[in-house]
Amino acid sequence: MEVRASYGLNPLEMDETLMMATRFYSQTLANLNLPLGHREGPYGGSAETLRAFGVGPTSRNGNSRSTPEAIVNSWMNSEGHRNNMLRSNISKIGVGTHRGESGRIFSYAAFM
């Protein structure tokens, strides 16, 4: 991520398990027309969904912007999301995005 490099941090490597979990979470929220958040979904929320995929503790970001640039910009303008992205001890990322029938876009990222 260019943002991390601008802060002198290591780039993140895509993780296949994180990709599958975040894609599932985004699709689930969109398909069930649930609000974007960290406590929704059939497993009880984003952390529980990640655990169902065998992923331990992570930091997570959600968003409903339309472009990757707008998503990252929104995360950078939120203290909690920005802190997740700029943690020096993370090295992997997974991002899932899905457009629901309503046209709303659900984007979700997990870092570890």
Protein backbone atom coordinates (compact mmCIF):
# COMPACT_ATOMS: atom_id res chain seq x y z
CA MET A 1 0.00 0.00 0.00
CA GLU A 2 1.41 3.36 -1.00
CA VAL A 3 -0.03 4.90 2.16
CA ARG A 4 2.07 2.60 4.36
CA ALA A 5 5.21 3.37 2.36
CA SER A 6 4.66 7.09 2.86
CA TYR A 7 4.83 6.41 6.63
CA GLY A 8 8.01 4.33 6.26
CA LEU A 9 6.17 1.04 6.87
CA ASN A 10 6.54 -2.31 5.14
CA PRO A 11 4.18 -3.16 2.27
CA LEU A 12 1.45 -5.68 2.99
CA GLU A 13 1.26 -9.09 1.38
CA MET A 14 -2.10 -10.43 0.18
CA ASP A 15 -3.20 -13.42 2.24
CA GLU A 16 -5.50 -15.94 0.55
CA THR A 17 -7.38 -16.89 3.73
CA LEU A 18 -7.96 -13.24 4.64
CA MET A 19 -9.13 -12.65 1.05
CA MET A 20 -11.67 -15.48 1.25
CA ALA A 21 -12.94 -14.38 4.68
CA THR A 22 -13.29 -10.70 3.77
CA ARG A 23 -14.92 -11.55 0.45
CA PHE A 24 -17.41 -13.81 2.26
CA TYR A 25 -18.15 -11.12 4.85
CA SER A 26 -18.70 -8.40 2.22
CA GLN A 27 -20.95 -10.68 0.15
CA THR A 28 -22.93 -11.75 3.20
CA LEU A 29 -23.62 -8.18 4.32
CA ALA A 30 -24.60 -7.16 0.79
CA ASN A 31 -26.73 -10.22 0.02
CA LEU A 32 -28.60 -10.05 3.32
CA ASN A 33 -28.89 -6.25 3.03
CA LEU A 34 -27.29 -5.81 6.44
CA PRO A 35 -25.71 -2.57 7.62
CA LEU A 36 -21.97 -2.30 7.11
CA GLY A 37 -20.33 -2.83 10.46
CA HIS A 38 -18.29 -5.17 12.58
CA ARG A 39 -21.15 -6.86 14.47
CA GLU A 40 -23.39 -8.07 11.64
CA GLY A 41 -23.65 -11.34 9.76
CA PRO A 42 -24.52 -14.99 10.36
CA TYR A 43 -21.48 -15.64 12.57
CA GLY A 44 -22.20 -12.63 14.77
CA GLY A 45 -19.73 -10.19 13.25
CA SER A 46 -16.48 -9.67 11.42
CA ALA A 47 -14.20 -11.16 14.09
CA GLU A 48 -16.36 -14.27 14.32
CA THR A 49 -16.38 -14.63 10.53
CA LEU A 50 -12.59 -14.47 10.47
CA ARG A 51 -12.40 -17.09 13.23
CA ALA A 52 -14.72 -19.34 11.17
CA PHE A 53 -12.08 -19.16 8.43
CA GLY A 54 -9.36 -20.06 10.93
CA VAL A 55 -7.94 -16.57 11.28
CA GLY A 56 -6.89 -15.41 14.75
CA PRO A 57 -6.91 -11.85 16.08
CA THR A 58 -6.72 -9.20 13.39
CA SER A 59 -7.55 -5.57 12.90
CA ARG A 60 -10.47 -4.84 10.57
CA ASN A 61 -11.82 -2.00 8.44
CA GLY A 62 -15.15 -1.69 6.65
CA ASN A 63 -16.42 0.83 4.12
CA SER A 64 -19.09 1.47 1.50
CA ARG A 65 -17.23 3.80 -0.87
CA SER A 66 -17.19 3.18 -4.62
CA THR A 67 -13.49 3.18 -5.55
CA PRO A 68 -10.34 1.79 -3.91
CA GLU A 69 -8.98 5.33 -3.61
CA ALA A 70 -12.15 6.57 -1.90
CA ILE A 71 -12.08 3.60 0.47
CA VAL A 72 -8.47 4.20 1.53
CA ASN A 73 -9.10 7.94 1.82
CA SER A 74 -12.08 7.29 4.08
CA TRP A 75 -10.02 4.90 6.24
CA MET A 76 -7.23 7.46 6.52
CA ASN A 77 -9.75 10.06 7.69
CA SER A 78 -10.95 7.78 10.52
CA GLU A 79 -8.57 7.54 13.47
CA GLY A 80 -9.40 3.93 14.31
CA HIS A 81 -9.23 2.68 10.72
CA ARG A 82 -6.05 4.68 10.04
CA ASN A 83 -4.43 3.16 13.13
CA ASN A 84 -5.31 -0.33 11.88
CA MET A 85 -3.72 0.31 8.49
CA LEU A 86 -0.58 1.86 9.95
CA ARG A 87 0.26 -0.70 12.62
CA SER A 88 3.92 -1.59 12.20
CA ASN A 89 3.46 -5.21 13.31
CA ILE A 90 1.12 -6.29 10.50
CA SER A 91 2.34 -7.85 7.28
CA LYS A 92 -0.74 -9.36 5.59
CA ILE A 93 -4.00 -8.04 4.20
CA GLY A 94 -7.19 -9.40 2.70
CA VAL A 95 -9.82 -7.22 1.05
CA GLY A 96 -13.28 -8.25 -0.06
CA THR A 97 -15.68 -6.02 -1.99
CA HIS A 98 -19.19 -6.80 -3.16
CA ARG A 99 -21.95 -4.72 -4.74
CA GLY A 100 -25.37 -5.58 -3.35
CA GLU A 101 -28.59 -5.67 -5.36
CA SER A 102 -29.34 -2.16 -4.15
CA GLY A 103 -26.10 -0.99 -5.79
CA ARG A 104 -24.46 -0.31 -2.45
CA ILE A 105 -20.83 -1.42 -2.28
CA PHE A 106 -19.53 -3.29 0.75
CA SER A 107 -15.76 -3.30 1.22
CA TYR A 108 -14.05 -5.00 4.09
CA ALA A 109 -10.37 -5.45 4.95
CA ALA A 110 -8.57 -7.50 7.57
CA PHE A 111 -4.93 -7.16 8.55
CA MET A 112 -2.63 -9.50 10.44
